[in-house]
Amino acid sequence: MARGHQKFQSQQKNAKKQAEIKKSKGHDQKAAAKAALVYTCAVCRTQMPDPKTFKQHFESRHPKSPMPPELVDVEA
């Protein structure tokens, strides 16, 4: 029975340690990804990371809409 109790204590200690690591790490990846999405489509409000992707999106999703002025000179 002693080993079972030790195992339980060890699992609790490890869970607490992992929670502290996760808490200290935070949501850096989510924040960085959100900050990278700087271009927003005026038609559907979808966010894109760069003008090339934005232009490809606009040409494929909104072919009848006029091209925004910031995308006119972008190479696709």
PDB file of N, CA and C in Angstrom:
ATOM      1  N   MET A   1       0.809  -1.182   0.000  1.00  0.00           N
ATOM      2  CA  MET A   1       0.000   0.000   0.000  1.00  0.00           C
ATOM      3  C   MET A   1       0.862   1.259   0.000  1.00  0.00           C
ATOM      4  N   ALA A   2       2.042   1.178   0.573  1.00  0.00           N
ATOM      5  CA  ALA A   2       2.909   2.354   0.631  1.00  0.00           C
ATOM      6  C   ALA A   2       3.298   2.818  -0.775  1.00  0.00           C
ATOM      7  N   ARG A   3       3.557   1.863  -1.653  1.00  0.00           N
ATOM      8  CA  ARG A   3       3.952   2.248  -3.013  1.00  0.00           C
ATOM      9  C   ARG A   3       2.803   2.946  -3.730  1.00  0.00           C
ATOM     10  N   GLY A   4       1.582   2.479  -3.531  1.00  0.00           N
ATOM     11  CA  GLY A   4       0.425   3.118  -4.151  1.00  0.00           C
ATOM     12  C   GLY A   4       0.275   4.554  -3.679  1.00  0.00           C
ATOM     13  N   HIS A   5       0.490   4.773  -2.393  1.00  0.00           N
ATOM     14  CA  HIS A   5       0.392   6.134  -1.846  1.00  0.00           C
ATOM     15  C   HIS A   5       1.517   7.015  -2.385  1.00  0.00           C
ATOM     16  N   GLN A   6       2.716   6.461  -2.465  1.00  0.00           N
ATOM     17  CA  GLN A   6       3.839   7.216  -3.021  1.00  0.00           C
ATOM     18  C   GLN A   6       3.573   7.582  -4.480  1.00  0.00           C
ATOM     19  N   LYS A   7       3.010   6.647  -5.225  1.00  0.00           N
ATOM     20  CA  LYS A   7       2.702   6.891  -6.631  1.00  0.00           C
ATOM     21  C   LYS A   7       1.695   8.034  -6.750  1.00  0.00           C
ATOM     22  N   PHE A   8       0.672   8.012  -5.926  1.00  0.00           N
ATOM     23  CA  PHE A   8      -0.340   9.056  -5.942  1.00  0.00           C
ATOM     24  C   PHE A   8       0.275  10.420  -5.616  1.00  0.00           C
ATOM     25  N   GLN A   9       1.138  10.466  -4.590  1.00  0.00           N
ATOM     26  CA  GLN A   9       1.796  11.714  -4.216  1.00  0.00           C
ATOM     27  C   GLN A   9       2.690  12.222  -5.350  1.00  0.00           C
ATOM     28  N   SER A  10       3.411  11.303  -5.966  1.00  0.00           N
ATOM     29  CA  SER A  10       4.295  11.662  -7.068  1.00  0.00           C
ATOM     30  C   SER A  10       3.493  12.231  -8.247  1.00  0.00           C
ATOM     31  N   GLN A  11       2.361  11.628  -8.558  1.00  0.00           N
ATOM     32  CA  GLN A  11       1.516  12.124  -9.645  1.00  0.00           C
ATOM     33  C   GLN A  11       0.986  13.516  -9.345  1.00  0.00           C
ATOM     34  N   GLN A  12       0.576  13.751  -8.104  1.00  0.00           N
ATOM     35  CA  GLN A  12       0.083  15.075  -7.715  1.00  0.00           C
ATOM     36  C   GLN A  12       1.192  16.119  -7.804  1.00  0.00           C
ATOM     37  N   LYS A  13       2.372  15.748  -7.337  1.00  0.00           N
ATOM     38  CA  LYS A  13       3.510  16.665  -7.374  1.00  0.00           C
ATOM     39  C   LYS A  13       3.868  17.013  -8.817  1.00  0.00           C
ATOM     40  N   ASN A  14       3.877  16.012  -9.697  1.00  0.00           N
ATOM     41  CA  ASN A  14       4.201  16.230 -11.106  1.00  0.00           C
ATOM     42  C   ASN A  14       3.131  17.088 -11.785  1.00  0.00           C
ATOM     43  N   ALA A  15       1.857  16.833 -11.468  1.00  0.00           N
ATOM     44  CA  ALA A  15       0.770  17.618 -12.050  1.00  0.00           C
ATOM     45  C   ALA A  15       0.892  19.085 -11.642  1.00  0.00           C
ATOM     46  N   LYS A  16       1.232  19.322 -10.384  1.00  0.00           N
ATOM     47  CA  LYS A  16       1.407  20.692  -9.892  1.00  0.00           C
ATOM     48  C   LYS A  16       2.581  21.373 -10.607  1.00  0.00           C
ATOM     49  N   LYS A  17       3.661  20.637 -10.768  1.00  0.00           N
ATOM     50  CA  LYS A  17       4.844  21.164 -11.442  1.00  0.00           C
ATOM     51  C   LYS A  17       4.529  21.502 -12.902  1.00  0.00           C
ATOM     52  N   GLN A  18       3.822  20.614 -13.598  1.00  0.00           N
ATOM     53  CA  GLN A  18       3.460  20.846 -14.996  1.00  0.00           C
ATOM     54  C   GLN A  18       2.525  22.045 -15.126  1.00  0.00           C
ATOM     55  N   ALA A  19       1.606  22.199 -14.180  1.00  0.00           N
ATOM     56  CA  ALA A  19       0.683  23.334 -14.201  1.00  0.00           C
ATOM     57  C   ALA A  19       1.445  24.650 -14.032  1.00  0.00           C
ATOM     58  N   GLU A  20       2.432  24.662 -13.163  1.00  0.00           N
ATOM     59  CA  GLU A  20       3.238  25.873 -12.958  1.00  0.00           C
ATOM     60  C   GLU A  20       4.030  26.213 -14.215  1.00  0.00           C
ATOM     61  N   ILE A  21       4.574  25.210 -14.859  1.00  0.00           N
ATOM     62  CA  ILE A  21       5.332  25.431 -16.102  1.00  0.00           C
ATOM     63  C   ILE A  21       4.408  25.995 -17.173  1.00  0.00           C
ATOM     64  N   LYS A  22       3.239  25.400 -17.301  1.00  0.00           N
ATOM     65  CA  LYS A  22       2.274  25.849 -18.304  1.00  0.00           C
ATOM     66  C   LYS A  22       1.806  27.271 -18.012  1.00  0.00           C
ATOM     67  N   LYS A  23       1.581  27.563 -16.739  1.00  0.00           N
ATOM     68  CA  LYS A  23       1.122  28.892 -16.346  1.00  0.00           C
ATOM     69  C   LYS A  23       2.196  29.947 -16.601  1.00  0.00           C
ATOM     70  N   SER A  24       3.444  29.628 -16.326  1.00  0.00           N
ATOM     71  CA  SER A  24       4.526  30.594 -16.521  1.00  0.00           C
ATOM     72  C   SER A  24       4.812  30.815 -18.004  1.00  0.00           C
ATOM     73  N   LYS A  25       4.565  29.788 -18.806  1.00  0.00           N
ATOM     74  CA  LYS A  25       4.790  29.888 -20.245  1.00  0.00           C
ATOM     75  C   LYS A  25       3.796  30.844 -20.892  1.00  0.00           C
ATOM     76  N   GLY A  26       2.547  30.797 -20.465  1.00  0.00           N
ATOM     77  CA  GLY A  26       1.526  31.690 -20.984  1.00  0.00           C
ATOM     78  C   GLY A  26       1.069  31.310 -22.375  1.00  0.00           C
ATOM     79  N   HIS A  27       0.501  32.270 -23.074  1.00  0.00           N
ATOM     80  CA  HIS A  27      -0.047  32.047 -24.405  1.00  0.00           C
ATOM     81  C   HIS A  27       0.767  32.814 -25.439  1.00  0.00           C
ATOM     82  N   ASP A  28       2.059  32.657 -25.412  1.00  0.00           N
ATOM     83  CA  ASP A  28       2.938  33.390 -26.312  1.00  0.00           C
ATOM     84  C   ASP A  28       2.672  33.046 -27.772  1.00  0.00           C
ATOM     85  N   GLN A  29       2.413  31.809 -28.074  1.00  0.00           N
ATOM     86  CA  GLN A  29       2.182  31.412 -29.457  1.00  0.00           C
ATOM     87  C   GLN A  29       0.907  32.049 -29.996  1.00  0.00           C
ATOM     88  N   LYS A  30      -0.130  32.061 -29.201  1.00  0.00           N
ATOM     89  CA  LYS A  30      -1.385  32.661 -29.646  1.00  0.00           C
ATOM     90  C   LYS A  30      -1.219  34.161 -29.863  1.00  0.00           C
ATOM     91  N   ALA A  31      -0.531  34.817 -28.956  1.00  0.00           N
ATOM     92  CA  ALA A  31      -0.335  36.258 -29.077  1.00  0.00           C
ATOM     93  C   ALA A  31       0.515  36.588 -30.296  1.00  0.00           C
ATOM     94  N   ALA A  32       1.546  35.796 -30.515  1.00  0.00           N
ATOM     95  CA  ALA A  32       2.415  36.035 -31.674  1.00  0.00           C
ATOM     96  C   ALA A  32       1.661  35.787 -32.975  1.00  0.00           C
ATOM     97  N   ALA A  33       0.861  34.764 -33.019  1.00  0.00           N
ATOM     98  CA  ALA A  33       0.088  34.464 -34.235  1.00  0.00           C
ATOM     99  C   ALA A  33      -0.927  35.559 -34.508  1.00  0.00           C
ATOM    100  N   LYS A  34      -1.558  36.049 -33.465  1.00  0.00           N
ATOM    101  CA  LYS A  34      -2.550  37.108 -33.641  1.00  0.00           C
ATOM    102  C   LYS A  34      -1.883  38.400 -34.095  1.00  0.00           C
ATOM    103  N   ALA A  35      -0.707  38.689 -33.590  1.00  0.00           N
ATOM    104  CA  ALA A  35       0.015  39.892 -33.982  1.00  0.00           C
ATOM    105  C   ALA A  35       0.492  39.801 -35.430  1.00  0.00           C
ATOM    106  N   ALA A  36       0.724  38.587 -35.922  1.00  0.00           N
ATOM    107  CA  ALA A  36       1.212  38.405 -37.282  1.00  0.00           C
ATOM    108  C   ALA A  36       0.113  38.622 -38.319  1.00  0.00           C
ATOM    109  N   LEU A  37      -1.146  38.511 -37.916  1.00  0.00           N
ATOM    110  CA  LEU A  37      -2.252  38.697 -38.849  1.00  0.00           C
ATOM    111  C   LEU A  37      -2.573  40.186 -38.951  1.00  0.00           C
ATOM    112  N   VAL A  38      -1.896  40.869 -39.877  1.00  0.00           N
ATOM    113  CA  VAL A  38      -2.009  42.320 -39.952  1.00  0.00           C
ATOM    114  C   VAL A  38      -2.906  42.821 -41.075  1.00  0.00           C
ATOM    115  N   TYR A  39      -3.235  41.978 -42.053  1.00  0.00           N
ATOM    116  CA  TYR A  39      -4.081  42.395 -43.170  1.00  0.00           C
ATOM    117  C   TYR A  39      -5.480  41.818 -42.987  1.00  0.00           C
ATOM    118  N   THR A  40      -6.488  42.667 -43.065  1.00  0.00           N
ATOM    119  CA  THR A  40      -7.866  42.238 -42.893  1.00  0.00           C
ATOM    120  C   THR A  40      -8.655  42.523 -44.160  1.00  0.00           C
ATOM    121  N   CYS A  41      -9.351  41.507 -44.649  1.00  0.00           N
ATOM    122  CA  CYS A  41     -10.183  41.649 -45.840  1.00  0.00           C
ATOM    123  C   CYS A  41     -11.395  42.499 -45.485  1.00  0.00           C
ATOM    124  N   ALA A  42     -11.642  43.529 -46.289  1.00  0.00           N
ATOM    125  CA  ALA A  42     -12.754  44.435 -46.035  1.00  0.00           C
ATOM    126  C   ALA A  42     -14.098  43.778 -46.335  1.00  0.00           C
ATOM    127  N   VAL A  43     -14.114  42.752 -47.167  1.00  0.00           N
ATOM    128  CA  VAL A  43     -15.363  42.108 -47.560  1.00  0.00           C
ATOM    129  C   VAL A  43     -15.811  41.087 -46.515  1.00  0.00           C
ATOM    130  N   CYS A  44     -14.910  40.171 -46.129  1.00  0.00           N
ATOM    131  CA  CYS A  44     -15.301  39.077 -45.222  1.00  0.00           C
ATOM    132  C   CYS A  44     -14.629  39.136 -43.854  1.00  0.00           C
ATOM    133  N   ARG A  45     -13.788  40.120 -43.626  1.00  0.00           N
ATOM    134  CA  ARG A  45     -13.094  40.321 -42.342  1.00  0.00           C
ATOM    135  C   ARG A  45     -12.146  39.189 -41.958  1.00  0.00           C
ATOM    136  N   THR A  46     -11.669  38.441 -42.928  1.00  0.00           N
ATOM    137  CA  THR A  46     -10.676  37.405 -42.677  1.00  0.00           C
ATOM    138  C   THR A  46      -9.309  38.072 -42.555  1.00  0.00           C
ATOM    139  N   GLN A  47      -8.486  37.587 -41.638  1.00  0.00           N
ATOM    140  CA  GLN A  47      -7.164  38.170 -41.430  1.00  0.00           C
ATOM    141  C   GLN A  47      -6.098  37.322 -42.100  1.00  0.00           C
ATOM    142  N   MET A  48      -5.122  38.006 -42.720  1.00  0.00           N
ATOM    143  CA  MET A  48      -4.020  37.341 -43.397  1.00  0.00           C
ATOM    144  C   MET A  48      -2.681  37.914 -42.917  1.00  0.00           C
ATOM    145  N   PRO A  49      -1.609  37.097 -42.983  1.00  0.00           N
ATOM    146  CA  PRO A  49      -0.318  37.540 -42.462  1.00  0.00           C
ATOM    147  C   PRO A  49       0.476  38.448 -43.398  1.00  0.00           C
ATOM    148  N   ASP A  50       0.297  38.343 -44.719  1.00  0.00           N
ATOM    149  CA  ASP A  50       1.108  39.145 -45.629  1.00  0.00           C
ATOM    150  C   ASP A  50       0.288  39.557 -46.854  1.00  0.00           C
ATOM    151  N   PRO A  51       0.764  40.567 -47.582  1.00  0.00           N
ATOM    152  CA  PRO A  51       0.001  41.074 -48.729  1.00  0.00           C
ATOM    153  C   PRO A  51      -0.150  40.068 -49.866  1.00  0.00           C
ATOM    154  N   LYS A  52       0.819  39.180 -50.033  1.00  0.00           N
ATOM    155  CA  LYS A  52       0.732  38.186 -51.104  1.00  0.00           C
ATOM    156  C   LYS A  52      -0.445  37.239 -50.853  1.00  0.00           C
ATOM    157  N   THR A  53      -0.559  36.749 -49.643  1.00  0.00           N
ATOM    158  CA  THR A  53      -1.663  35.876 -49.271  1.00  0.00           C
ATOM    159  C   THR A  53      -2.981  36.633 -49.363  1.00  0.00           C
ATOM    160  N   PHE A  54      -2.969  37.876 -48.941  1.00  0.00           N
ATOM    161  CA  PHE A  54      -4.167  38.705 -48.994  1.00  0.00           C
ATOM    162  C   PHE A  54      -4.647  38.867 -50.430  1.00  0.00           C
ATOM    163  N   LYS A  55      -3.725  39.109 -51.356  1.00  0.00           N
ATOM    164  CA  LYS A  55      -4.103  39.282 -52.760  1.00  0.00           C
ATOM    165  C   LYS A  55      -4.651  37.973 -53.334  1.00  0.00           C
ATOM    166  N   GLN A  56      -4.001  36.858 -53.022  1.00  0.00           N
ATOM    167  CA  GLN A  56      -4.490  35.557 -53.492  1.00  0.00           C
ATOM    168  C   GLN A  56      -5.895  35.283 -52.956  1.00  0.00           C
ATOM    169  N   HIS A  57      -6.113  35.598 -51.695  1.00  0.00           N
ATOM    170  CA  HIS A  57      -7.426  35.426 -51.084  1.00  0.00           C
ATOM    171  C   HIS A  57      -8.463  36.281 -51.806  1.00  0.00           C
ATOM    172  N   PHE A  58      -8.116  37.528 -52.038  1.00  0.00           N
ATOM    173  CA  PHE A  58      -9.069  38.451 -52.644  1.00  0.00           C
ATOM    174  C   PHE A  58      -9.415  38.025 -54.066  1.00  0.00           C
ATOM    175  N   GLU A  59      -8.416  37.582 -54.819  1.00  0.00           N
ATOM    176  CA  GLU A  59      -8.659  37.160 -56.201  1.00  0.00           C
ATOM    177  C   GLU A  59      -9.514  35.888 -56.261  1.00  0.00           C
ATOM    178  N   SER A  60      -9.320  34.973 -55.321  1.00  0.00           N
ATOM    179  CA  SER A  60     -10.065  33.714 -55.365  1.00  0.00           C
ATOM    180  C   SER A  60     -11.443  33.818 -54.712  1.00  0.00           C
ATOM    181  N   ARG A  61     -11.557  34.574 -53.630  1.00  0.00           N
ATOM    182  CA  ARG A  61     -12.818  34.632 -52.888  1.00  0.00           C
ATOM    183  C   ARG A  61     -13.755  35.748 -53.339  1.00  0.00           C
ATOM    184  N   HIS A  62     -13.192  36.845 -53.817  1.00  0.00           N
ATOM    185  CA  HIS A  62     -14.000  38.010 -54.181  1.00  0.00           C
ATOM    186  C   HIS A  62     -13.629  38.513 -55.582  1.00  0.00           C
ATOM    187  N   PRO A  63     -13.785  37.685 -56.620  1.00  0.00           N
ATOM    188  CA  PRO A  63     -13.346  38.095 -57.957  1.00  0.00           C
ATOM    189  C   PRO A  63     -14.138  39.260 -58.545  1.00  0.00           C
ATOM    190  N   LYS A  64     -15.388  39.451 -58.123  1.00  0.00           N
ATOM    191  CA  LYS A  64     -16.212  40.523 -58.676  1.00  0.00           C
ATOM    192  C   LYS A  64     -16.036  41.854 -57.942  1.00  0.00           C
ATOM    193  N   SER A  65     -15.466  41.805 -56.763  1.00  0.00           N
ATOM    194  CA  SER A  65     -15.251  43.032 -55.984  1.00  0.00           C
ATOM    195  C   SER A  65     -14.019  43.768 -56.496  1.00  0.00           C
ATOM    196  N   PRO A  66     -14.021  45.091 -56.423  1.00  0.00           N
ATOM    197  CA  PRO A  66     -12.827  45.842 -56.854  1.00  0.00           C
ATOM    198  C   PRO A  66     -11.650  45.591 -55.907  1.00  0.00           C
ATOM    199  N   MET A  67     -10.464  45.519 -56.476  1.00  0.00           N
ATOM    200  CA  MET A  67      -9.244  45.250 -55.706  1.00  0.00           C
ATOM    201  C   MET A  67      -8.924  46.461 -54.821  1.00  0.00           C
ATOM    202  N   PRO A  68      -8.658  46.236 -53.541  1.00  0.00           N
ATOM    203  CA  PRO A  68      -8.272  47.351 -52.665  1.00  0.00           C
ATOM    204  C   PRO A  68      -6.978  48.007 -53.161  1.00  0.00           C
ATOM    205  N   PRO A  69      -6.822  49.299 -52.956  1.00  0.00           N
ATOM    206  CA  PRO A  69      -5.638  50.001 -53.474  1.00  0.00           C
ATOM    207  C   PRO A  69      -4.307  49.477 -52.934  1.00  0.00           C
ATOM    208  N   GLU A  70      -4.297  48.927 -51.721  1.00  0.00           N
ATOM    209  CA  GLU A  70      -3.038  48.419 -51.168  1.00  0.00           C
ATOM    210  C   GLU A  70      -2.588  47.114 -51.821  1.00  0.00           C
ATOM    211  N   LEU A  71      -3.465  46.477 -52.604  1.00  0.00           N
ATOM    212  CA  LEU A  71      -3.113  45.211 -53.257  1.00  0.00           C
ATOM    213  C   LEU A  71      -2.833  45.363 -54.751  1.00  0.00           C
ATOM    214  N   VAL A  72      -3.025  46.524 -55.316  1.00  0.00           N
ATOM    215  CA  VAL A  72      -2.897  46.714 -56.755  1.00  0.00           C
ATOM    216  C   VAL A  72      -1.479  46.389 -57.234  1.00  0.00           C
ATOM    217  N   ASP A  73      -0.465  46.823 -56.528  1.00  0.00           N
ATOM    218  CA  ASP A  73       0.922  46.647 -56.979  1.00  0.00           C
ATOM    219  C   ASP A  73       1.631  45.443 -56.356  1.00  0.00           C
ATOM    220  N   VAL A  74       0.922  44.583 -55.632  1.00  0.00           N
ATOM    221  CA  VAL A  74       1.528  43.427 -54.974  1.00  0.00           C
ATOM    222  C   VAL A  74       1.664  42.279 -55.982  1.00  0.00           C
ATOM    223  N   GLU A  75       2.853  41.655 -55.986  1.00  0.00           N
ATOM    224  CA  GLU A  75       3.102  40.500 -56.861  1.00  0.00           C
ATOM    225  C   GLU A  75       2.469  39.261 -56.220  1.00  0.00           C
ATOM    226  N   ALA A  76       1.712  38.501 -56.989  1.00  0.00           N
ATOM    227  CA  ALA A  76       1.049  37.327 -56.419  1.00  0.00           C
ATOM    228  C   ALA A  76       1.834  36.060 -56.617  1.00  0.00           C
TER     229      ALA A  76
END
